[in-house]
Amino acid sequence: MAPPGSIPALVFEDEQHHLIAMQAVPRPHENFKSMLLAGDFTDEHFRQFGTLLATIHRAAADRADELAKEFDDRTFFESLRLEPYYLYTAERVPEASTYLRKLVDDTRARRMTLVHGDYSPKNILVRDGRLILLDHEVVHWGDPAFDLGFALAHILSKARHLPKHRERLAEAPVTFLTGYISIANDAPFLPELEWFMIQHSLACLLARVAGRSQLEYLSDDEKARQRQVVLTAMADLPFTFRDLVDRITAPDEA
């Protein structure tokens, strides 16, 4: 379902001995997360980041009769995402508890397409300008807005962390989403996608500074500032994607 060359090919699987082998991505290649932190990125990288995800979401939705049952087990998604990101954060940040618990309920109910569950720059290698996606263990049939929000939280956190590149990284989410919509423009899950993408973006932005899996490159001060910005947005939700980006990437008040 992914674009040719964007997923390492399966070599073999041995279920009896719990073994799996995939082709290695040929060198030279670079990790997309490392590139972003170094300011080494182009619009094309973010366009591909969107089209790659949309291609999977769109193709899977067309095969719902076949895939929904095959990927119905959401055990890993619950234990690796909903609990450590949303539910744990709800306990740690009471001001966000109602918001996060409602989003968990909505996410569990929204089963629309194949969701990667870990769609982030750290799971992308870049070789010869092409993006290659890794680490599919959280894949499940669920809410495509989660993948979008999860990815956007990484981009927006880096925009806040890197003032030198903030202006460019503030435009990157637009390029990412434009690439996504160019592929998923008639997908059956598009209604309400923007609204839930905004909610997941804010939830992940908060989880990455207050949950069990916090971003290691943010200082304590940066985490505190991001937490406050997100809580302010949660209390007065952005109603458009552009509004979300502008509010999260705006310079912090002194």
Protein backbone atom coordinates (compact mmCIF):
# COMPACT_ATOMS: atom_id res chain seq x y z
CA MET A 1 0.00 0.00 0.00
CA ALA A 2 2.97 2.33 0.46
CA PRO A 3 4.77 3.98 -2.46
CA PRO A 4 7.40 1.69 -4.07
CA GLY A 5 10.71 1.81 -2.25
CA SER A 6 9.33 3.54 0.85
CA ILE A 7 9.17 0.41 3.07
CA PRO A 8 12.07 -2.06 3.63
CA ALA A 9 11.10 -5.30 1.92
CA LEU A 10 10.22 -8.41 3.94
CA VAL A 11 12.84 -11.18 3.66
CA PHE A 12 11.22 -13.87 5.81
CA GLU A 13 9.07 -14.50 8.87
CA ASP A 14 9.40 -17.48 11.23
CA GLU A 15 6.41 -17.40 13.55
CA GLN A 16 7.48 -20.54 15.45
CA HIS A 17 10.77 -18.95 16.53
CA HIS A 18 9.45 -15.36 16.63
CA LEU A 19 11.85 -14.13 13.96
CA ILE A 20 11.43 -11.59 11.20
CA ALA A 21 13.95 -10.18 8.75
CA MET A 22 13.69 -7.17 6.47
CA GLN A 23 16.08 -5.75 3.94
CA ALA A 24 18.47 -3.16 5.34
CA VAL A 25 18.18 0.34 3.93
CA PRO A 26 21.34 0.82 1.84
CA ARG A 27 23.86 3.39 2.97
CA PRO A 28 24.35 6.26 2.82
CA HIS A 29 21.18 7.43 4.52
CA GLU A 30 20.26 9.88 7.28
CA ASN A 31 17.66 9.91 10.02
CA PHE A 32 14.98 12.52 9.38
CA LYS A 33 14.82 13.54 13.04
CA SER A 34 18.57 14.24 13.11
CA MET A 35 18.25 16.25 9.91
CA LEU A 36 15.46 18.39 11.37
CA LEU A 37 17.39 19.13 14.55
CA ALA A 38 20.37 20.16 12.42
CA GLY A 39 18.22 22.43 10.25
CA ASP A 40 18.92 20.21 7.23
CA PHE A 41 15.55 19.86 5.51
CA THR A 42 13.62 20.95 2.42
CA ASP A 43 9.97 21.48 1.51
CA GLU A 44 10.17 18.28 -0.53
CA HIS A 45 10.96 16.25 2.59
CA PHE A 46 7.76 17.47 4.24
CA ARG A 47 5.70 17.02 1.08
CA GLN A 48 6.82 13.38 0.93
CA PHE A 49 6.17 13.02 4.67
CA GLY A 50 2.54 13.87 3.89
CA THR A 51 2.11 11.90 0.66
CA LEU A 52 3.65 8.75 2.13
CA LEU A 53 1.20 8.72 5.03
CA ALA A 54 -1.77 9.59 2.84
CA THR A 55 -0.95 6.83 0.36
CA ILE A 56 -1.12 4.24 3.13
CA HIS A 57 -4.28 5.71 4.68
CA ARG A 58 -6.02 6.03 1.31
CA ALA A 59 -5.12 2.57 0.01
CA ALA A 60 -6.08 0.88 3.26
CA ALA A 61 -9.46 2.61 3.40
CA ASP A 62 -10.21 1.18 -0.05
CA ARG A 63 -9.53 -2.31 1.34
CA ALA A 64 -11.49 -1.92 4.57
CA ASP A 65 -13.42 -5.17 4.13
CA GLU A 66 -10.15 -7.08 4.04
CA LEU A 67 -7.98 -5.11 6.48
CA ALA A 68 -10.28 -3.92 9.28
CA LYS A 69 -10.52 -7.40 10.77
CA GLU A 70 -6.88 -8.27 10.07
CA PHE A 71 -5.63 -5.25 12.05
CA ASP A 72 -8.40 -5.05 14.64
CA ASP A 73 -6.07 -5.85 17.58
CA ARG A 74 -5.24 -2.50 19.21
CA THR A 75 -3.35 -3.92 22.21
CA PHE A 76 -0.05 -2.26 21.31
CA PHE A 77 -1.75 1.03 20.50
CA GLU A 78 -3.44 1.04 23.91
CA SER A 79 -0.29 0.12 25.85
CA LEU A 80 2.24 2.13 23.84
CA ARG A 81 0.21 5.21 22.92
CA LEU A 82 -3.11 5.80 24.66
CA GLU A 83 -1.91 4.88 28.16
CA PRO A 84 1.57 6.48 28.26
CA TYR A 85 0.69 9.49 26.13
CA TYR A 86 -2.91 10.42 26.88
CA LEU A 87 -4.09 8.66 30.03
CA TYR A 88 -0.88 9.09 32.03
CA THR A 89 -0.74 12.75 31.02
CA ALA A 90 -4.37 13.14 32.10
CA GLU A 91 -3.31 12.02 35.58
CA ARG A 92 -0.26 14.29 35.65
CA VAL A 93 -2.02 17.37 34.26
CA PRO A 94 -5.51 17.64 35.79
CA GLU A 95 -6.32 20.72 33.71
CA ALA A 96 -6.19 18.53 30.60
CA SER A 97 -7.84 15.44 32.03
CA THR A 98 -11.33 15.96 30.61
CA TYR A 99 -9.94 16.90 27.19
CA LEU A 100 -7.62 13.87 27.01
CA ARG A 101 -10.10 11.31 28.30
CA LYS A 102 -12.74 12.49 25.84
CA LEU A 103 -10.19 12.24 23.03
CA VAL A 104 -9.32 8.68 24.08
CA ASP A 105 -13.00 7.72 23.91
CA ASP A 106 -13.35 9.34 20.48
CA THR A 107 -10.17 7.67 19.21
CA ARG A 108 -11.31 4.23 20.30
CA ALA A 109 -14.58 4.77 18.42
CA ARG A 110 -13.04 6.11 15.18
CA ARG A 111 -12.01 3.04 13.16
CA MET A 112 -11.52 4.17 9.60
CA THR A 113 -8.23 3.02 8.11
CA LEU A 114 -4.81 1.52 8.77
CA VAL A 115 -2.92 3.69 11.28
CA HIS A 116 0.87 3.47 11.65
CA GLY A 117 0.79 4.61 15.26
CA ASP A 118 4.41 5.81 15.36
CA TYR A 119 4.59 8.16 12.40
CA SER A 120 7.44 10.42 13.45
CA PRO A 121 10.70 11.74 11.95
CA LYS A 122 12.77 9.30 14.05
CA ASN A 123 11.17 6.44 12.10
CA ILE A 124 12.08 7.92 8.73
CA LEU A 125 15.36 7.41 6.89
CA VAL A 126 16.23 9.68 3.97
CA ARG A 127 18.23 8.13 1.12
CA ASP A 128 18.86 9.96 -2.15
CA GLY A 129 16.08 12.39 -1.26
CA ARG A 130 13.51 9.61 -0.72
CA LEU A 131 11.76 8.95 2.60
CA ILE A 132 11.75 5.37 3.90
CA LEU A 133 9.37 4.41 6.74
CA LEU A 134 10.37 2.06 9.58
CA ASP A 135 8.93 0.54 12.80
CA HIS A 136 5.38 -0.64 12.22
CA GLU A 137 4.70 -2.46 15.50
CA VAL A 138 1.90 -0.10 16.61
CA VAL A 139 -0.04 -0.49 13.35
CA HIS A 140 -3.79 -0.98 13.80
CA TRP A 141 -7.18 -0.20 12.28
CA GLY A 142 -8.17 3.13 13.75
CA ASP A 143 -8.22 6.92 13.54
CA PRO A 144 -6.02 8.45 10.79
CA ALA A 145 -6.07 11.78 12.62
CA PHE A 146 -3.83 10.22 15.28
CA ASP A 147 -0.99 9.70 12.77
CA LEU A 148 -1.35 13.29 11.58
CA GLY A 149 -1.42 14.76 15.08
CA PHE A 150 1.47 12.58 16.24
CA ALA A 151 3.62 13.71 13.30
CA LEU A 152 2.64 17.37 13.62
CA ALA A 153 3.53 17.42 17.32
CA HIS A 154 7.09 16.50 16.39
CA ILE A 155 7.35 19.22 13.76
CA LEU A 156 5.80 21.89 15.99
CA SER A 157 7.95 20.93 19.00
CA LYS A 158 11.06 21.35 16.87
CA ALA A 159 9.80 24.71 15.61
CA ARG A 160 9.56 25.85 19.21
CA HIS A 161 12.97 24.35 20.08
CA LEU A 162 14.85 25.84 17.13
CA PRO A 163 14.21 29.61 16.98
CA LYS A 164 16.74 29.93 14.16
CA HIS A 165 14.58 27.67 12.00
CA ARG A 166 11.19 28.50 13.53
CA GLU A 167 9.90 30.41 10.53
CA ARG A 168 10.73 27.58 8.10
CA LEU A 169 9.40 24.91 10.45
CA ALA A 170 6.20 26.92 10.94
CA GLU A 171 5.54 26.48 7.21
CA ALA A 172 6.48 22.79 7.21
CA PRO A 173 3.13 21.60 8.64
CA VAL A 174 1.33 23.34 5.77
CA THR A 175 3.55 21.58 3.22
CA PHE A 176 3.04 18.28 5.05
CA LEU A 177 -0.74 18.62 5.09
CA THR A 178 -0.89 19.86 1.49
CA GLY A 179 1.00 16.75 0.43
CA TYR A 180 -1.33 14.59 2.47
CA ILE A 181 -4.52 16.12 1.02
CA SER A 182 -3.19 15.83 -2.53
CA ILE A 183 -3.42 12.04 -2.15
CA ALA A 184 -6.31 11.69 0.31
CA ASN A 185 -8.52 14.36 -1.27
CA ASP A 186 -11.54 12.06 -1.73
CA ALA A 187 -10.94 9.61 1.11
CA PRO A 188 -14.02 8.53 3.09
CA PHE A 189 -12.36 9.55 6.39
CA LEU A 190 -11.80 13.21 5.42
CA PRO A 191 -14.93 14.61 7.14
CA GLU A 192 -13.91 15.79 10.62
CA LEU A 193 -10.26 14.90 9.94
CA GLU A 194 -9.03 18.47 10.51
CA TRP A 195 -10.91 18.78 13.80
CA PHE A 196 -9.54 15.55 15.25
CA MET A 197 -6.06 16.21 13.83
CA ILE A 198 -5.99 19.50 15.77
CA GLN A 199 -7.05 17.71 18.95
CA HIS A 200 -4.45 14.96 18.56
CA SER A 201 -1.74 17.53 17.78
CA LEU A 202 -2.41 19.36 21.05
CA ALA A 203 -2.67 16.12 23.02
CA CYS A 204 0.64 14.85 21.65
CA LEU A 205 2.34 18.21 22.17
CA LEU A 206 1.35 18.04 25.83
CA ALA A 207 2.20 14.36 26.19
CA ARG A 208 5.72 14.94 24.86
CA VAL A 209 6.44 17.34 27.74
CA ALA A 210 4.34 15.75 30.53
CA GLY A 211 3.74 12.10 29.62
CA ARG A 212 5.84 8.97 29.97
CA SER A 213 7.75 9.58 26.71
CA GLN A 214 9.09 13.13 26.79
CA LEU A 215 11.21 14.75 24.08
CA GLU A 216 14.81 14.48 25.19
CA TYR A 217 16.01 17.57 23.31
CA LEU A 218 13.70 19.98 25.18
CA SER A 219 15.01 21.71 28.30
CA ASP A 220 12.89 21.90 31.44
CA ASP A 221 12.11 25.53 30.62
CA GLU A 222 11.08 24.64 27.06
CA LYS A 223 8.84 21.87 28.39
CA ALA A 224 7.17 24.26 30.83
CA ARG A 225 6.58 26.84 28.12
CA GLN A 226 5.18 24.28 25.66
CA ARG A 227 2.92 22.90 28.37
CA GLN A 228 1.46 26.35 29.05
CA VAL A 229 0.96 27.18 25.38
CA VAL A 230 -0.85 23.90 24.79
CA LEU A 231 -3.06 24.20 27.86
CA THR A 232 -4.07 27.70 26.76
CA ALA A 233 -4.99 26.32 23.32
CA MET A 234 -6.93 23.42 24.83
CA ALA A 235 -9.02 25.87 26.84
CA ASP A 236 -9.86 27.83 23.67
CA LEU A 237 -9.50 25.30 20.86
CA PRO A 238 -8.10 26.39 17.51
CA PHE A 239 -10.80 25.74 14.93
CA THR A 240 -8.53 25.63 11.90
CA PHE A 241 -5.21 23.99 11.18
CA ARG A 242 -3.60 27.33 10.33
CA ASP A 243 -4.73 28.77 13.64
CA LEU A 244 -3.18 25.82 15.45
CA VAL A 245 0.18 26.27 13.74
CA ASP A 246 0.24 30.04 14.28
CA ARG A 247 -0.57 29.75 17.98
CA ILE A 248 1.95 27.00 18.72
CA THR A 249 4.81 28.58 16.79
CA ALA A 250 4.22 32.17 17.93
CA PRO A 251 7.17 33.60 19.92
CA ASP A 252 6.74 33.06 23.65
CA GLU A 253 5.95 36.11 25.70
CA ALA A 254 8.83 37.34 27.81
